[in-house]
Amino acid sequence: PTTSSRMDVYAPELIRCGLRGMIGKGKRTSEVVEAMKESG
């Protein structure tokens, strides 16, 4: 795995489009976590 934070600027939009799982390493931003909570 690569460091996940590099995808954090893009991840919320993809999560809202149905992306349900991500595999990586490292912490995520609060924006990503909020999108995850909204979309499951």
All heavy atoms as atom14 arrays in JSON, in Angstrom:
{
  "sequence": "PTTSSRMDVYAPELIRCGLRGMIGKGKRTSEVVEAMKESG",
  "atom14_mask": [
    [1, 1, 1, 1, 1, 1, 1, 0, 0, 0, 0, 0, 0, 0],
    [1, 1, 1, 1, 1, 1, 1, 0, 0, 0, 0, 0, 0, 0],
    [1, 1, 1, 1, 1, 1, 1, 0, 0, 0, 0, 0, 0, 0],
    [1, 1, 1, 1, 1, 1, 0, 0, 0, 0, 0, 0, 0, 0],
    [1, 1, 1, 1, 1, 1, 0, 0, 0, 0, 0, 0, 0, 0],
    [1, 1, 1, 1, 1, 1, 1, 1, 1, 1, 1, 0, 0, 0],
    [1, 1, 1, 1, 1, 1, 1, 1, 0, 0, 0, 0, 0, 0],
    [1, 1, 1, 1, 1, 1, 1, 1, 0, 0, 0, 0, 0, 0],
    [1, 1, 1, 1, 1, 1, 1, 0, 0, 0, 0, 0, 0, 0],
    [1, 1, 1, 1, 1, 1, 1, 1, 1, 1, 1, 1, 0, 0],
    [1, 1, 1, 1, 1, 0, 0, 0, 0, 0, 0, 0, 0, 0],
    [1, 1, 1, 1, 1, 1, 1, 0, 0, 0, 0, 0, 0, 0],
    [1, 1, 1, 1, 1, 1, 1, 1, 1, 0, 0, 0, 0, 0],
    [1, 1, 1, 1, 1, 1, 1, 1, 0, 0, 0, 0, 0, 0],
    [1, 1, 1, 1, 1, 1, 1, 1, 0, 0, 0, 0, 0, 0],
    [1, 1, 1, 1, 1, 1, 1, 1, 1, 1, 1, 0, 0, 0],
    [1, 1, 1, 1, 1, 1, 0, 0, 0, 0, 0, 0, 0, 0],
    [1, 1, 1, 1, 0, 0, 0, 0, 0, 0, 0, 0, 0, 0],
    [1, 1, 1, 1, 1, 1, 1, 1, 0, 0, 0, 0, 0, 0],
    [1, 1, 1, 1, 1, 1, 1, 1, 1, 1, 1, 0, 0, 0],
    [1, 1, 1, 1, 0, 0, 0, 0, 0, 0, 0, 0, 0, 0],
    [1, 1, 1, 1, 1, 1, 1, 1, 0, 0, 0, 0, 0, 0],
    [1, 1, 1, 1, 1, 1, 1, 1, 0, 0, 0, 0, 0, 0],
    [1, 1, 1, 1, 0, 0, 0, 0, 0, 0, 0, 0, 0, 0],
    [1, 1, 1, 1, 1, 1, 1, 1, 1, 0, 0, 0, 0, 0],
    [1, 1, 1, 1, 0, 0, 0, 0, 0, 0, 0, 0, 0, 0],
    [1, 1, 1, 1, 1, 1, 1, 1, 1, 0, 0, 0, 0, 0],
    [1, 1, 1, 1, 1, 1, 1, 1, 1, 1, 1, 0, 0, 0],
    [1, 1, 1, 1, 1, 1, 1, 0, 0, 0, 0, 0, 0, 0],
    [1, 1, 1, 1, 1, 1, 0, 0, 0, 0, 0, 0, 0, 0],
    [1, 1, 1, 1, 1, 1, 1, 1, 1, 0, 0, 0, 0, 0],
    [1, 1, 1, 1, 1, 1, 1, 0, 0, 0, 0, 0, 0, 0],
    [1, 1, 1, 1, 1, 1, 1, 0, 0, 0, 0, 0, 0, 0],
    [1, 1, 1, 1, 1, 1, 1, 1, 1, 0, 0, 0, 0, 0],
    [1, 1, 1, 1, 1, 0, 0, 0, 0, 0, 0, 0, 0, 0],
    [1, 1, 1, 1, 1, 1, 1, 1, 0, 0, 0, 0, 0, 0],
    [1, 1, 1, 1, 1, 1, 1, 1, 1, 0, 0, 0, 0, 0],
    [1, 1, 1, 1, 1, 1, 1, 1, 1, 0, 0, 0, 0, 0],
    [1, 1, 1, 1, 1, 1, 0, 0, 0, 0, 0, 0, 0, 0],
    [1, 1, 1, 1, 0, 0, 0, 0, 0, 0, 0, 0, 0, 0]
  ],
  "atom14_positions": [
    [[0.81, -1.22, 0.0], [0.0, 0.0, 0.0], [0.85, 1.27, 0.0], [1.97, 1.28, 0.5], [-0.79, -0.11, 1.31], [0.14, -0.86, 2.22], [0.82, -1.87, 1.31], [0.0, 0.0, 0.0], [0.0, 0.0, 0.0], [0.0, 0.0, 0.0], [0.0, 0.0, 0.0], [0.0, 0.0, 0.0], [0.0, 0.0, 0.0], [0.0, 0.0, 0.0]],
    [[0.27, 2.32, -0.58], [0.91, 3.63, -0.53], [0.15, 4.5, 0.47], [-0.95, 4.15, 0.91], [0.98, 4.28, -1.93], [1.89, 5.36, -1.89], [-0.38, 4.74, -2.41], [0.0, 0.0, 0.0], [0.0, 0.0, 0.0], [0.0, 0.0, 0.0], [0.0, 0.0, 0.0], [0.0, 0.0, 0.0], [0.0, 0.0, 0.0], [0.0, 0.0, 0.0]],
    [[0.72, 5.62, 0.81], [0.13, 6.53, 1.78], [-1.18, 7.1, 1.25], [-1.23, 7.73, 0.19], [1.12, 7.66, 2.11], [2.33, 7.05, 2.59], [0.56, 8.59, 3.17], [0.0, 0.0, 0.0], [0.0, 0.0, 0.0], [0.0, 0.0, 0.0], [0.0, 0.0, 0.0], [0.0, 0.0, 0.0], [0.0, 0.0, 0.0], [0.0, 0.0, 0.0]],
    [[-2.24, 6.9, 2.0], [-3.59, 7.24, 1.56], [-3.86, 8.74, 1.5], [-4.71, 9.18, 0.72], [-4.61, 6.59, 2.49], [-4.43, 5.2, 2.49], [0.0, 0.0, 0.0], [0.0, 0.0, 0.0], [0.0, 0.0, 0.0], [0.0, 0.0, 0.0], [0.0, 0.0, 0.0], [0.0, 0.0, 0.0], [0.0, 0.0, 0.0], [0.0, 0.0, 0.0]],
    [[-3.18, 9.52, 2.29], [-3.48, 10.96, 2.35], [-3.32, 11.65, 1.0], [-3.94, 12.68, 0.75], [-2.61, 11.66, 3.41], [-1.25, 11.53, 3.08], [0.0, 0.0, 0.0], [0.0, 0.0, 0.0], [0.0, 0.0, 0.0], [0.0, 0.0, 0.0], [0.0, 0.0, 0.0], [0.0, 0.0, 0.0], [0.0, 0.0, 0.0], [0.0, 0.0, 0.0]],
    [[-2.54, 11.06, 0.1], [-2.37, 11.66, -1.23], [-3.66, 11.63, -2.04], [-3.84, 12.4, -2.97], [-1.24, 10.96, -1.98], [0.08, 11.12, -1.27], [1.3, 10.83, -2.1], [1.15, 9.84, -3.12], [1.83, 8.7, -3.17], [2.69, 8.41, -2.23], [1.67, 7.88, -4.16], [0.0, 0.0, 0.0], [0.0, 0.0, 0.0], [0.0, 0.0, 0.0]],
    [[-4.58, 10.76, -1.68], [-5.85, 10.65, -2.4], [-6.97, 11.44, -1.71], [-8.08, 11.54, -2.22], [-6.28, 9.18, -2.51], [-5.66, 8.39, -3.65], [-3.87, 8.38, -3.79], [-3.36, 7.31, -2.49], [0.0, 0.0, 0.0], [0.0, 0.0, 0.0], [0.0, 0.0, 0.0], [0.0, 0.0, 0.0], [0.0, 0.0, 0.0], [0.0, 0.0, 0.0]],
    [[-6.68, 12.02, -0.56], [-7.73, 12.63, 0.26], [-8.43, 13.81, -0.41], [-9.61, 14.05, -0.15], [-7.19, 13.05, 1.62], [-7.03, 11.87, 2.56], [-7.32, 10.72, 2.16], [-6.6, 12.09, 3.71], [0.0, 0.0, 0.0], [0.0, 0.0, 0.0], [0.0, 0.0, 0.0], [0.0, 0.0, 0.0], [0.0, 0.0, 0.0], [0.0, 0.0, 0.0]],
    [[-7.77, 14.54, -1.27], [-8.41, 15.66, -1.95], [-9.49, 15.16, -2.93], [-10.46, 15.86, -3.21], [-7.37, 16.56, -2.66], [-6.71, 15.86, -3.83], [-7.98, 17.88, -3.08], [0.0, 0.0, 0.0], [0.0, 0.0, 0.0], [0.0, 0.0, 0.0], [0.0, 0.0, 0.0], [0.0, 0.0, 0.0], [0.0, 0.0, 0.0], [0.0, 0.0, 0.0]],
    [[-9.36, 13.94, -3.42], [-10.28, 13.37, -4.41], [-11.28, 12.38, -3.8], [-12.36, 12.19, -4.36], [-9.5, 12.64, -5.51], [-8.4, 13.46, -6.11], [-7.06, 13.15, -5.87], [-8.67, 14.56, -6.92], [-6.03, 13.91, -6.42], [-7.65, 15.32, -7.47], [-6.34, 14.99, -7.21], [-5.33, 15.75, -7.76], [0.0, 0.0, 0.0], [0.0, 0.0, 0.0]],
    [[-10.9, 11.74, -2.72], [-11.69, 10.63, -2.19], [-13.14, 10.98, -1.85], [-14.04, 10.19, -2.16], [-10.99, 10.01, -0.98], [0.0, 0.0, 0.0], [0.0, 0.0, 0.0], [0.0, 0.0, 0.0], [0.0, 0.0, 0.0], [0.0, 0.0, 0.0], [0.0, 0.0, 0.0], [0.0, 0.0, 0.0], [0.0, 0.0, 0.0], [0.0, 0.0, 0.0]],
    [[-13.43, 12.13, -1.21], [-14.84, 12.39, -0.85], [-15.79, 12.34, -2.05], [-16.89, 11.78, -1.96], [-14.8, 13.78, -0.21], [-13.43, 13.85, 0.39], [-12.56, 13.15, -0.63], [0.0, 0.0, 0.0], [0.0, 0.0, 0.0], [0.0, 0.0, 0.0], [0.0, 0.0, 0.0], [0.0, 0.0, 0.0], [0.0, 0.0, 0.0], [0.0, 0.0, 0.0]],
    [[-15.38, 12.89, -3.18], [-16.24, 12.88, -4.35], [-16.46, 11.46, -4.87], [-17.57, 11.1, -5.27], [-15.67, 13.77, -5.46], [-16.66, 14.03, -6.56], [-16.31, 15.24, -7.42], [-15.38, 16.0, -7.09], [-16.98, 15.4, -8.44], [0.0, 0.0, 0.0], [0.0, 0.0, 0.0], [0.0, 0.0, 0.0], [0.0, 0.0, 0.0], [0.0, 0.0, 0.0]],
    [[-15.43, 10.64, -4.83], [-15.57, 9.25, -5.29], [-16.42, 8.44, -4.32], [-17.21, 7.59, -4.75], [-14.19, 8.62, -5.48], [-13.3, 9.27, -6.54], [-11.97, 8.55, -6.63], [-14.0, 9.31, -7.89], [0.0, 0.0, 0.0], [0.0, 0.0, 0.0], [0.0, 0.0, 0.0], [0.0, 0.0, 0.0], [0.0, 0.0, 0.0], [0.0, 0.0, 0.0]],
    [[-16.29, 8.71, -3.03], [-17.11, 8.03, -2.03], [-18.58, 8.36, -2.27], [-19.44, 7.48, -2.24], [-16.66, 8.41, -0.61], [-15.27, 7.84, -0.31], [-17.68, 7.93, 0.43], [-14.61, 8.41, 0.93], [0.0, 0.0, 0.0], [0.0, 0.0, 0.0], [0.0, 0.0, 0.0], [0.0, 0.0, 0.0], [0.0, 0.0, 0.0], [0.0, 0.0, 0.0]],
    [[-18.87, 9.61, -2.55], [-20.26, 10.01, -2.81], [-20.79, 9.38, -4.11], [-22.01, 9.28, -4.3], [-20.37, 11.53, -2.85], [-20.29, 12.14, -1.45], [-20.63, 13.61, -1.43], [-19.52, 14.48, -1.78], [-18.56, 14.87, -0.95], [-18.56, 14.46, 0.3], [-17.61, 15.67, -1.35], [0.0, 0.0, 0.0], [0.0, 0.0, 0.0], [0.0, 0.0, 0.0]],
    [[-19.9, 8.91, -4.98], [-20.31, 8.23, -6.22], [-20.44, 6.72, -6.04], [-20.66, 6.01, -7.02], [-19.3, 8.51, -7.33], [-19.42, 10.17, -7.96], [0.0, 0.0, 0.0], [0.0, 0.0, 0.0], [0.0, 0.0, 0.0], [0.0, 0.0, 0.0], [0.0, 0.0, 0.0], [0.0, 0.0, 0.0], [0.0, 0.0, 0.0], [0.0, 0.0, 0.0]],
    [[-20.27, 6.24, -4.83], [-20.48, 4.82, -4.57], [-19.26, 4.03, -4.14], [-19.39, 2.86, -3.79], [0.0, 0.0, 0.0], [0.0, 0.0, 0.0], [0.0, 0.0, 0.0], [0.0, 0.0, 0.0], [0.0, 0.0, 0.0], [0.0, 0.0, 0.0], [0.0, 0.0, 0.0], [0.0, 0.0, 0.0], [0.0, 0.0, 0.0], [0.0, 0.0, 0.0]],
    [[-18.07, 4.64, -4.18], [-16.88, 3.94, -3.69], [-17.12, 3.54, -2.25], [-17.42, 4.38, -1.41], [-15.65, 4.85, -3.79], [-14.34, 4.29, -3.24], [-13.9, 3.06, -4.02], [-13.25, 5.36, -3.27], [0.0, 0.0, 0.0], [0.0, 0.0, 0.0], [0.0, 0.0, 0.0], [0.0, 0.0, 0.0], [0.0, 0.0, 0.0], [0.0, 0.0, 0.0]],
    [[-17.04, 2.25, -1.95], [-17.39, 1.79, -0.62], [-16.2, 1.36, 0.22], [-16.3, 1.25, 1.42], [-18.4, 0.65, -0.72], [-19.01, 0.36, 0.62], [-20.43, -0.13, 0.64], [-21.35, 0.73, -0.07], [-22.0, 0.37, -1.18], [-21.83, -0.82, -1.71], [-22.83, 1.19, -1.77], [0.0, 0.0, 0.0], [0.0, 0.0, 0.0], [0.0, 0.0, 0.0]],
    [[-15.06, 1.11, -0.43], [-13.9, 0.68, 0.35], [-12.62, 1.2, -0.24], [-12.5, 1.35, -1.46], [0.0, 0.0, 0.0], [0.0, 0.0, 0.0], [0.0, 0.0, 0.0], [0.0, 0.0, 0.0], [0.0, 0.0, 0.0], [0.0, 0.0, 0.0], [0.0, 0.0, 0.0], [0.0, 0.0, 0.0], [0.0, 0.0, 0.0], [0.0, 0.0, 0.0]],
    [[-11.69, 1.51, 0.64], [-10.35, 1.95, 0.24], [-9.35, 1.17, 1.06], [-9.58, 0.91, 2.24], [-10.19, 3.45, 0.51], [-11.19, 4.31, -0.26], [-11.53, 5.89, 0.57], [-12.62, 5.37, 1.89], [0.0, 0.0, 0.0], [0.0, 0.0, 0.0], [0.0, 0.0, 0.0], [0.0, 0.0, 0.0], [0.0, 0.0, 0.0], [0.0, 0.0, 0.0]],
    [[-8.24, 0.79, 0.42], [-7.17, 0.07, 1.12], [-5.91, 0.9, 0.98], [-5.52, 1.26, -0.14], [-6.92, -1.32, 0.5], [-8.21, -2.15, 0.45], [-5.83, -2.05, 1.29], [-8.08, -3.44, -0.36], [0.0, 0.0, 0.0], [0.0, 0.0, 0.0], [0.0, 0.0, 0.0], [0.0, 0.0, 0.0], [0.0, 0.0, 0.0], [0.0, 0.0, 0.0]],
    [[-5.25, 1.18, 2.08], [-4.01, 1.94, 2.05], [-3.31, 1.87, 3.39], [-3.43, 0.89, 4.12], [0.0, 0.0, 0.0], [0.0, 0.0, 0.0], [0.0, 0.0, 0.0], [0.0, 0.0, 0.0], [0.0, 0.0, 0.0], [0.0, 0.0, 0.0], [0.0, 0.0, 0.0], [0.0, 0.0, 0.0], [0.0, 0.0, 0.0], [0.0, 0.0, 0.0]],
    [[-2.61, 2.96, 3.68], [-1.96, 3.07, 4.99], [-1.94, 4.55, 5.38], [-1.9, 5.43, 4.52], [-0.56, 2.47, 4.97], [0.42, 3.19, 4.07], [1.79, 2.56, 4.11], [2.74, 3.35, 3.21], [4.09, 2.8, 3.23], [0.0, 0.0, 0.0], [0.0, 0.0, 0.0], [0.0, 0.0, 0.0], [0.0, 0.0, 0.0], [0.0, 0.0, 0.0]],
    [[-1.98, 4.79, 6.65], [-1.91, 6.15, 7.17], [-3.28, 6.75, 7.45], [-4.31, 6.22, 7.08], [0.0, 0.0, 0.0], [0.0, 0.0, 0.0], [0.0, 0.0, 0.0], [0.0, 0.0, 0.0], [0.0, 0.0, 0.0], [0.0, 0.0, 0.0], [0.0, 0.0, 0.0], [0.0, 0.0, 0.0], [0.0, 0.0, 0.0], [0.0, 0.0, 0.0]],
    [[-3.24, 7.89, 8.12], [-4.45, 8.59, 8.55], [-5.17, 9.23, 7.37], [-4.59, 9.44, 6.32], [-4.1, 9.66, 9.57], [-3.56, 9.09, 10.86], [-3.25, 10.2, 11.86], [-2.72, 9.62, 13.14], [-2.48, 10.66, 14.14], [0.0, 0.0, 0.0], [0.0, 0.0, 0.0], [0.0, 0.0, 0.0], [0.0, 0.0, 0.0], [0.0, 0.0, 0.0]],
    [[-6.45, 9.55, 7.58], [-7.28, 10.21, 6.59], [-7.76, 11.55, 7.16], [-7.86, 11.73, 8.37], [-8.51, 9.37, 6.23], [-8.24, 7.93, 5.77], [-7.23, 7.81, 4.64], [-7.61, 8.41, 3.4], [-8.23, 7.81, 2.41], [-8.57, 6.54, 2.52], [-8.5, 8.44, 1.28], [0.0, 0.0, 0.0], [0.0, 0.0, 0.0], [0.0, 0.0, 0.0]],
    [[-8.12, 12.48, 6.26], [-8.58, 13.78, 6.69], [-10.02, 13.69, 7.21], [-10.74, 12.74, 6.92], [-8.56, 14.81, 5.54], [-9.47, 14.36, 4.52], [-7.16, 14.98, 4.97], [0.0, 0.0, 0.0], [0.0, 0.0, 0.0], [0.0, 0.0, 0.0], [0.0, 0.0, 0.0], [0.0, 0.0, 0.0], [0.0, 0.0, 0.0], [0.0, 0.0, 0.0]],
    [[-10.43, 14.71, 7.94], [-11.79, 14.75, 8.46], [-12.81, 14.79, 7.33], [-13.91, 14.23, 7.45], [-11.98, 15.94, 9.41], [-11.72, 17.15, 8.74], [0.0, 0.0, 0.0], [0.0, 0.0, 0.0], [0.0, 0.0, 0.0], [0.0, 0.0, 0.0], [0.0, 0.0, 0.0], [0.0, 0.0, 0.0], [0.0, 0.0, 0.0], [0.0, 0.0, 0.0]],
    [[-12.47, 15.4, 6.19], [-13.37, 15.44, 5.04], [-13.63, 14.04, 4.49], [-14.77, 13.71, 4.11], [-12.81, 16.34, 3.92], [-12.76, 17.81, 4.27], [-11.53, 18.21, 5.1], [-10.61, 17.39, 5.27], [-11.51, 19.35, 5.57], [0.0, 0.0, 0.0], [0.0, 0.0, 0.0], [0.0, 0.0, 0.0], [0.0, 0.0, 0.0], [0.0, 0.0, 0.0]],
    [[-12.61, 13.22, 4.44], [-12.77, 11.84, 3.97], [-13.63, 11.06, 4.96], [-14.56, 10.35, 4.58], [-11.41, 11.15, 3.76], [-11.59, 9.66, 3.46], [-10.63, 11.82, 2.64], [0.0, 0.0, 0.0], [0.0, 0.0, 0.0], [0.0, 0.0, 0.0], [0.0, 0.0, 0.0], [0.0, 0.0, 0.0], [0.0, 0.0, 0.0], [0.0, 0.0, 0.0]],
    [[-13.35, 11.21, 6.25], [-14.11, 10.48, 7.27], [-15.58, 10.88, 7.23], [-16.47, 10.03, 7.33], [-13.49, 10.68, 8.67], [-14.35, 10.01, 9.74], [-12.06, 10.13, 8.71], [0.0, 0.0, 0.0], [0.0, 0.0, 0.0], [0.0, 0.0, 0.0], [0.0, 0.0, 0.0], [0.0, 0.0, 0.0], [0.0, 0.0, 0.0], [0.0, 0.0, 0.0]],
    [[-15.86, 12.17, 7.07], [-17.25, 12.63, 6.99], [-17.96, 12.03, 5.77], [-19.11, 11.6, 5.87], [-17.33, 14.15, 6.96], [-17.1, 14.79, 8.31], [-18.03, 14.25, 9.4], [-19.26, 14.18, 9.19], [-17.51, 13.87, 10.47], [0.0, 0.0, 0.0], [0.0, 0.0, 0.0], [0.0, 0.0, 0.0], [0.0, 0.0, 0.0], [0.0, 0.0, 0.0]],
    [[-17.29, 12.0, 4.63], [-17.88, 11.38, 3.43], [-18.13, 9.89, 3.66], [-19.16, 9.35, 3.23], [-16.98, 11.6, 2.22], [0.0, 0.0, 0.0], [0.0, 0.0, 0.0], [0.0, 0.0, 0.0], [0.0, 0.0, 0.0], [0.0, 0.0, 0.0], [0.0, 0.0, 0.0], [0.0, 0.0, 0.0], [0.0, 0.0, 0.0], [0.0, 0.0, 0.0]],
    [[-17.22, 9.23, 4.37], [-17.39, 7.82, 4.68], [-18.63, 7.61, 5.56], [-19.42, 6.7, 5.31], [-16.15, 7.27, 5.39], [-14.92, 7.17, 4.5], [-13.44, 6.73, 5.44], [-13.91, 5.15, 6.12], [0.0, 0.0, 0.0], [0.0, 0.0, 0.0], [0.0, 0.0, 0.0], [0.0, 0.0, 0.0], [0.0, 0.0, 0.0], [0.0, 0.0, 0.0]],
    [[-18.78, 8.43, 6.57], [-19.94, 8.31, 7.47], [-21.24, 8.56, 6.71], [-22.23, 7.85, 6.91], [-19.8, 9.29, 8.64], [-18.73, 8.86, 9.63], [-18.32, 9.9, 10.63], [-19.37, 10.71, 11.28], [-18.85, 11.66, 12.28], [0.0, 0.0, 0.0], [0.0, 0.0, 0.0], [0.0, 0.0, 0.0], [0.0, 0.0, 0.0], [0.0, 0.0, 0.0]],
    [[-21.27, 9.55, 5.84], [-22.47, 9.87, 5.05], [-22.85, 8.72, 4.12], [-24.04, 8.47, 3.89], [-22.24, 11.12, 4.21], [-22.13, 12.41, 5.0], [-21.61, 13.57, 4.17], [-21.52, 13.45, 2.92], [-21.27, 14.6, 4.78], [0.0, 0.0, 0.0], [0.0, 0.0, 0.0], [0.0, 0.0, 0.0], [0.0, 0.0, 0.0], [0.0, 0.0, 0.0]],
    [[-21.85, 8.04, 3.56], [-22.09, 7.03, 2.53], [-21.93, 5.59, 3.0], [-22.18, 4.66, 2.22], [-21.15, 7.28, 1.35], [-21.37, 8.56, 0.82], [0.0, 0.0, 0.0], [0.0, 0.0, 0.0], [0.0, 0.0, 0.0], [0.0, 0.0, 0.0], [0.0, 0.0, 0.0], [0.0, 0.0, 0.0], [0.0, 0.0, 0.0], [0.0, 0.0, 0.0]],
    [[-21.44, 5.38, 4.22], [-21.25, 4.02, 4.71], [-20.03, 3.33, 4.12], [-20.07, 2.14, 3.84], [0.0, 0.0, 0.0], [0.0, 0.0, 0.0], [0.0, 0.0, 0.0], [0.0, 0.0, 0.0], [0.0, 0.0, 0.0], [0.0, 0.0, 0.0], [0.0, 0.0, 0.0], [0.0, 0.0, 0.0], [0.0, 0.0, 0.0], [0.0, 0.0, 0.0]]
  ]
}
